[in-house]
Amino acid sequence: MAVRIGVMSAILALLGVPLAGPAHADASPDSIPEAIGQTYDGRDLRIGRTLARTSDYTRHAITYRSGGLTISGIMNLPHGRGPFPVIVLAHGYIDPRVYVSGQGFRREQDALARNGYAVLHVDYRNHAGSDDDSSNGVAVRLGYAQDVINAARAVQTARLPELDASRIGLLGRSMGGSVAFNALVMRPGTFDAVVTYASTSPDPVDSFNRWQRLDRKASREIVMRYGDPDVDRRGWAEVTTTNYFDRITEPVLMFHGTSDESCLRTIRSTVQQEAPHARAMPGLPAFFSSLAERIGRDD
């Protein structure tokens, strides 16, 4: 498998890889093979109103098209001469009913922009100002991965002088880590390097049993579509990301702390199985706040 565990330079030394061609998909795919069969048409990236300014960058509201949907988000653009390499951010789970545009990753948004990266934080469908897609919950959120892929595609097709479309990286945390893995198998070559930390499991049965099974309405719909995994997992095979890990072409750097009680139990076996050179980071929780303290930065 092409996943490699290394130093942080995996995302800093971004390599140029061309992106895929256009097509349309409005609803979330039901399976990874269906998603693989689609092409991606991210386009019409619009940098909107100014939200804030610092001495190093300006924060903007943005939108772009992902299939037939409009996706909202924020972009931090560094000051100075571009073009700047781009980092797409895939945030963790926040209840869409309370989520606001750009929520999560504030520390990373700031640090990356201050160090010369254009930061594109994806709100995902059904979040903030993005269009709704009622099929996304039943489709184990494969639509989020579509939006992340189309964010990169929109950067490339925009041809904005501030953005270096030949260098695009991806950073995903918690649920966003699983979104990142789905994006990697659905459209290899979209990103030039990928970092995940405190990722939820790329095995959707683990995530379903830990979180979605508690939601009676959502779990009933998912079981009707894929079957009850406690009884028969055959219906889940085509939405299990690890079954497609051999498609991954990008260098991937995975961080996971051994004190992460939220995401650790299901990701550990995956990391050990798929990345035999992995090393644990003792004592770090899901938000890595103690790591930030060790290197002298606030959370």
Protein backbone atom coordinates (compact mmCIF):
# COMPACT_ATOMS: atom_id res chain seq x y z
CA MET A 1 0.00 0.00 0.00
CA ALA A 2 1.19 3.50 -0.81
CA VAL A 3 0.48 4.95 2.65
CA ARG A 4 3.76 6.05 4.17
CA ILE A 5 4.33 7.23 7.72
CA GLY A 6 7.04 9.91 7.85
CA VAL A 7 7.92 13.40 8.98
CA MET A 8 5.79 16.51 8.50
CA SER A 9 7.63 17.23 5.29
CA ALA A 10 5.18 14.81 3.65
CA ILE A 11 2.69 17.65 3.38
CA LEU A 12 5.17 20.48 3.03
CA ALA A 13 6.99 19.01 0.02
CA LEU A 14 3.91 18.97 -2.17
CA LEU A 15 4.39 17.31 -5.56
CA GLY A 16 2.43 18.29 -8.67
CA VAL A 17 -0.18 15.72 -9.79
CA PRO A 18 -2.90 16.44 -12.38
CA LEU A 19 -6.53 16.20 -11.36
CA ALA A 20 -9.38 14.32 -12.99
CA GLY A 21 -11.75 15.63 -15.64
CA PRO A 22 -15.32 16.88 -15.30
CA ALA A 23 -18.73 15.30 -14.66
CA HIS A 24 -21.83 15.86 -12.52
CA ALA A 25 -23.20 14.09 -9.45
CA ASP A 26 -25.85 15.77 -7.30
CA ALA A 27 -26.69 13.05 -4.76
CA SER A 28 -24.18 11.17 -2.64
CA PRO A 29 -23.06 7.84 -4.13
CA ASP A 30 -24.27 4.66 -2.40
CA SER A 31 -20.93 2.88 -2.67
CA ILE A 32 -17.24 3.45 -3.25
CA PRO A 33 -17.32 1.70 -6.67
CA GLU A 34 -20.12 4.07 -7.69
CA ALA A 35 -18.03 7.01 -6.49
CA ILE A 36 -14.98 5.68 -8.33
CA GLY A 37 -17.00 5.51 -11.52
CA GLN A 38 -17.84 9.19 -11.36
CA THR A 39 -15.65 12.03 -12.52
CA TYR A 40 -15.48 15.28 -10.61
CA ASP A 41 -16.34 18.75 -11.79
CA GLY A 42 -15.41 21.11 -8.94
CA ARG A 43 -15.64 24.61 -10.42
CA ASP A 44 -16.73 28.21 -10.03
CA LEU A 45 -14.57 28.96 -6.98
CA ARG A 46 -15.63 32.38 -5.75
CA ILE A 47 -13.66 34.29 -3.16
CA GLY A 48 -16.28 36.45 -1.44
CA ARG A 49 -16.47 38.97 1.34
CA THR A 50 -13.59 39.65 3.70
CA LEU A 51 -14.23 38.20 7.15
CA ALA A 52 -11.05 39.26 8.95
CA ARG A 53 -7.52 40.55 8.39
CA THR A 54 -4.30 39.83 10.27
CA SER A 55 -0.78 41.01 9.64
CA ASP A 56 -0.11 37.80 7.66
CA TYR A 57 -3.31 36.88 5.83
CA THR A 58 -6.88 37.80 4.96
CA ARG A 59 -9.84 35.54 5.75
CA HIS A 60 -12.57 35.28 3.09
CA ALA A 61 -15.91 33.55 2.69
CA ILE A 62 -15.87 31.29 -0.37
CA THR A 63 -18.21 29.09 -2.40
CA TYR A 64 -17.66 26.57 -5.18
CA ARG A 65 -19.68 24.00 -7.09
CA SER A 66 -19.54 20.29 -6.24
CA GLY A 67 -21.63 18.43 -8.79
CA GLY A 68 -24.98 20.17 -8.72
CA LEU A 69 -24.45 21.58 -5.24
CA THR A 70 -22.99 24.86 -3.99
CA ILE A 71 -20.55 24.32 -1.12
CA SER A 72 -19.55 27.09 1.26
CA GLY A 73 -16.36 27.50 3.23
CA ILE A 74 -13.61 29.92 4.18
CA MET A 75 -10.21 30.68 2.71
CA ASN A 76 -7.22 32.24 4.43
CA LEU A 77 -5.02 33.92 1.81
CA PRO A 78 -1.49 34.89 2.86
CA HIS A 79 -0.24 38.39 2.11
CA GLY A 80 2.65 38.80 -0.30
CA ARG A 81 3.57 37.36 -3.65
CA GLY A 82 1.85 34.18 -4.69
CA PRO A 83 1.02 31.77 -5.97
CA PHE A 84 0.66 29.94 -2.65
CA PRO A 85 0.35 26.16 -2.26
CA VAL A 86 -3.13 25.17 -1.11
CA ILE A 87 -4.20 23.05 1.87
CA VAL A 88 -7.78 21.74 1.85
CA LEU A 89 -9.17 21.11 5.34
CA ALA A 90 -11.68 18.33 6.07
CA HIS A 91 -13.12 19.07 9.52
CA GLY A 92 -14.38 16.61 12.12
CA TYR A 93 -17.97 15.99 13.12
CA ILE A 94 -19.91 19.00 14.33
CA ASP A 95 -23.70 18.80 14.41
CA PRO A 96 -24.80 20.49 11.16
CA ARG A 97 -27.63 22.17 13.07
CA VAL A 98 -25.15 24.25 15.06
CA TYR A 99 -22.14 24.30 12.72
CA VAL A 100 -21.06 27.71 11.39
CA SER A 101 -18.89 28.29 8.34
CA GLY A 102 -15.22 27.58 8.95
CA GLN A 103 -15.79 25.97 12.35
CA GLY A 104 -13.04 23.69 13.60
CA PHE A 105 -9.35 23.79 12.66
CA ARG A 106 -8.94 27.42 13.77
CA ARG A 107 -5.43 26.70 15.08
CA GLU A 108 -4.42 25.00 11.83
CA GLN A 109 -6.10 27.61 9.63
CA ASP A 110 -4.08 30.32 11.33
CA ALA A 111 -0.74 28.48 11.50
CA LEU A 112 -0.79 27.31 7.88
CA ALA A 113 -1.74 30.74 6.51
CA ARG A 114 0.97 32.42 8.58
CA ASN A 115 3.47 30.03 7.03
CA GLY A 116 2.56 30.78 3.44
CA TYR A 117 -0.25 28.33 2.63
CA ALA A 118 -3.61 29.25 1.18
CA VAL A 119 -6.12 27.42 3.38
CA LEU A 120 -9.47 26.23 2.01
CA HIS A 121 -11.76 24.97 4.77
CA VAL A 122 -14.67 22.95 3.32
CA ASP A 123 -18.03 23.28 5.08
CA TYR A 124 -19.40 20.08 3.40
CA ARG A 125 -22.92 19.67 2.02
CA ASN A 126 -25.68 20.16 4.61
CA HIS A 127 -23.43 22.54 6.60
CA ALA A 128 -23.57 26.33 7.00
CA GLY A 129 -24.29 27.95 3.62
CA SER A 130 -23.86 24.76 1.57
CA ASP A 131 -26.74 23.18 -0.31
CA ASP A 132 -28.57 20.25 1.27
CA ASP A 133 -28.23 16.61 0.19
CA SER A 134 -30.68 14.41 2.06
CA SER A 135 -29.02 11.23 0.76
CA ASN A 136 -25.67 11.89 2.46
CA GLY A 137 -26.45 10.32 5.85
CA VAL A 138 -27.67 7.05 4.32
CA ALA A 139 -24.64 6.96 2.02
CA VAL A 140 -22.25 6.86 5.01
CA ARG A 141 -21.20 10.41 4.14
CA LEU A 142 -19.44 9.64 0.89
CA GLY A 143 -20.78 13.00 -0.28
CA TYR A 144 -18.37 14.77 2.05
CA ALA A 145 -15.49 13.15 0.20
CA GLN A 146 -16.99 14.34 -3.08
CA ASP A 147 -16.97 17.89 -1.73
CA VAL A 148 -13.32 17.61 -0.64
CA ILE A 149 -12.26 16.26 -4.05
CA ASN A 150 -14.23 18.97 -5.81
CA ALA A 151 -12.61 21.63 -3.63
CA ALA A 152 -9.24 20.66 -5.11
CA ARG A 153 -10.72 20.51 -8.57
CA ALA A 154 -12.27 23.97 -8.12
CA VAL A 155 -8.87 25.39 -7.15
CA GLN A 156 -7.34 23.99 -10.32
CA THR A 157 -10.07 25.18 -12.67
CA ALA A 158 -10.24 28.66 -11.08
CA ARG A 159 -6.77 29.63 -12.37
CA LEU A 160 -6.48 32.33 -9.71
CA PRO A 161 -3.01 33.91 -9.62
CA GLU A 162 -2.92 33.70 -5.81
CA LEU A 163 -3.27 29.90 -5.79
CA ASP A 164 -0.71 27.34 -6.92
CA ALA A 165 -3.01 24.68 -8.37
CA SER A 166 -0.04 22.36 -8.98
CA ARG A 167 0.47 21.92 -5.22
CA ILE A 168 -2.63 20.91 -3.26
CA GLY A 169 -2.55 19.05 0.05
CA LEU A 170 -5.28 17.67 2.30
CA LEU A 171 -5.56 17.69 6.10
CA GLY A 172 -8.36 15.76 7.85
CA ARG A 173 -9.13 15.37 11.56
CA SER A 174 -11.48 12.93 13.31
CA MET A 175 -14.41 12.33 10.92
CA GLY A 176 -12.46 14.43 8.42
CA GLY A 177 -9.73 11.79 8.52
CA SER A 178 -12.19 9.19 7.27
CA VAL A 179 -13.42 11.69 4.68
CA ALA A 180 -9.80 12.07 3.56
CA PHE A 181 -9.33 8.30 3.20
CA ASN A 182 -12.54 8.06 1.17
CA ALA A 183 -11.31 10.87 -1.09
CA LEU A 184 -7.99 9.06 -1.60
CA VAL A 185 -9.62 5.84 -2.80
CA MET A 186 -12.39 7.54 -4.77
CA ARG A 187 -10.08 9.77 -6.80
CA PRO A 188 -6.38 8.89 -6.48
CA GLY A 189 -4.01 11.63 -7.60
CA THR A 190 -6.26 14.51 -6.60
CA PHE A 191 -3.97 15.58 -3.77
CA ASP A 192 -0.21 15.71 -3.63
CA ALA A 193 0.18 14.81 0.05
CA VAL A 194 -2.24 14.03 2.88
CA VAL A 195 -2.12 14.31 6.67
CA THR A 196 -4.71 12.84 9.04
CA TYR A 197 -4.80 13.10 12.80
CA ALA A 198 -7.12 11.56 15.35
CA SER A 199 -8.99 9.99 12.43
CA THR A 200 -12.09 7.93 12.93
CA SER A 201 -11.93 4.45 11.47
CA PRO A 202 -12.05 4.02 7.68
CA ASP A 203 -14.17 0.93 8.42
CA PRO A 204 -17.75 2.35 8.41
CA VAL A 205 -19.05 -0.55 10.54
CA ASP A 206 -16.89 0.69 13.41
CA SER A 207 -18.20 4.23 13.08
CA PHE A 208 -21.79 3.03 12.63
CA ASN A 209 -21.71 0.95 15.80
CA ARG A 210 -20.01 3.67 17.80
CA TRP A 211 -22.09 6.69 16.74
CA GLN A 212 -24.80 6.28 14.12
CA ARG A 213 -26.48 3.25 15.67
CA LEU A 214 -27.55 5.54 18.53
CA ASP A 215 -29.61 7.62 16.10
CA ARG A 216 -32.70 5.47 15.53
CA LYS A 217 -33.90 7.20 12.38
CA ALA A 218 -30.49 7.33 10.69
CA SER A 219 -29.53 3.80 11.75
CA ARG A 220 -32.83 2.39 10.46
CA GLU A 221 -32.22 3.93 7.04
CA ILE A 222 -28.62 2.72 6.93
CA VAL A 223 -29.58 -0.84 7.97
CA MET A 224 -32.29 -0.89 5.31
CA ARG A 225 -29.69 0.06 2.69
CA TYR A 226 -26.64 -1.99 3.77
CA GLY A 227 -28.00 -4.54 6.25
CA ASP A 228 -27.27 -4.95 9.95
CA PRO A 229 -23.49 -5.43 10.23
CA ASP A 230 -23.95 -7.49 13.40
CA VAL A 231 -25.84 -10.04 11.28
CA ASP A 232 -24.26 -9.86 7.82
CA ARG A 233 -21.49 -7.53 6.64
CA ARG A 234 -21.67 -8.40 2.95
CA GLY A 235 -23.69 -5.29 2.17
CA TRP A 236 -21.00 -3.14 3.77
CA ALA A 237 -18.10 -4.38 1.67
CA GLU A 238 -18.50 -1.70 -1.01
CA VAL A 239 -18.48 1.16 1.52
CA THR A 240 -15.52 -0.15 3.53
CA THR A 241 -12.61 2.11 2.64
CA THR A 242 -9.90 -0.31 3.72
CA ASN A 243 -11.01 -2.70 0.98
CA TYR A 244 -9.78 -0.11 -1.54
CA PHE A 245 -6.58 1.08 0.15
CA ASP A 246 -4.51 -0.39 -2.68
CA ARG A 247 -5.79 2.46 -4.87
CA ILE A 248 -4.05 5.12 -2.79
CA THR A 249 -1.15 6.80 -4.59
CA GLU A 250 -0.41 9.80 -2.36
CA PRO A 251 2.05 9.95 0.55
CA VAL A 252 -0.01 9.89 3.76
CA LEU A 253 1.14 10.97 7.23
CA MET A 254 -1.09 9.70 10.06
CA PHE A 255 -0.98 11.02 13.64
CA HIS A 256 -2.85 9.31 16.45
CA GLY A 257 -2.43 9.68 20.21
CA THR A 258 -2.72 6.68 22.53
CA SER A 259 -4.91 8.66 24.97
CA ASP A 260 -7.55 9.39 22.34
CA GLU A 261 -10.62 7.70 23.87
CA SER A 262 -12.94 8.83 21.08
CA CYS A 263 -11.29 7.50 17.93
CA LEU A 264 -8.40 5.25 18.99
CA ARG A 265 -10.00 1.84 19.48
CA THR A 266 -11.05 1.37 15.86
CA ILE A 267 -8.16 3.09 14.08
CA ARG A 268 -5.38 1.22 15.91
CA SER A 269 -5.93 -2.11 14.14
CA THR A 270 -6.27 -0.36 10.79
CA VAL A 271 -2.98 1.48 11.22
CA GLN A 272 -1.17 -1.64 12.36
CA GLN A 273 -2.57 -3.66 9.48
CA GLU A 274 -2.17 -1.11 6.68
CA ALA A 275 0.87 0.84 7.89
CA PRO A 276 3.28 -1.57 9.60
CA HIS A 277 5.90 1.14 10.13
CA ALA A 278 3.54 3.27 12.23
CA ARG A 279 4.66 4.49 15.64
CA ALA A 280 2.32 5.50 18.47
CA MET A 281 2.36 8.98 20.04
CA PRO A 282 1.99 8.16 23.74
CA GLY A 283 -0.38 10.20 25.85
CA LEU A 284 -1.90 12.47 23.22
CA PRO A 285 -5.69 13.00 23.18
CA ALA A 286 -7.97 13.58 20.18
CA PHE A 287 -7.36 17.33 19.97
CA PHE A 288 -3.57 17.08 20.44
CA SER A 289 -3.66 20.02 22.86
CA SER A 290 -0.80 18.59 24.89
CA LEU A 291 1.30 18.41 21.72
CA ALA A 292 0.58 22.09 21.08
CA GLU A 293 1.75 22.87 24.61
CA ARG A 294 4.95 20.88 24.06
CA ILE A 295 5.88 22.96 21.03
CA GLY A 296 4.86 26.25 22.64
CA ARG A 297 1.64 27.00 20.72
CA ASP A 298 -1.86 27.66 22.02
CA ASP A 299 -4.67 25.32 20.96
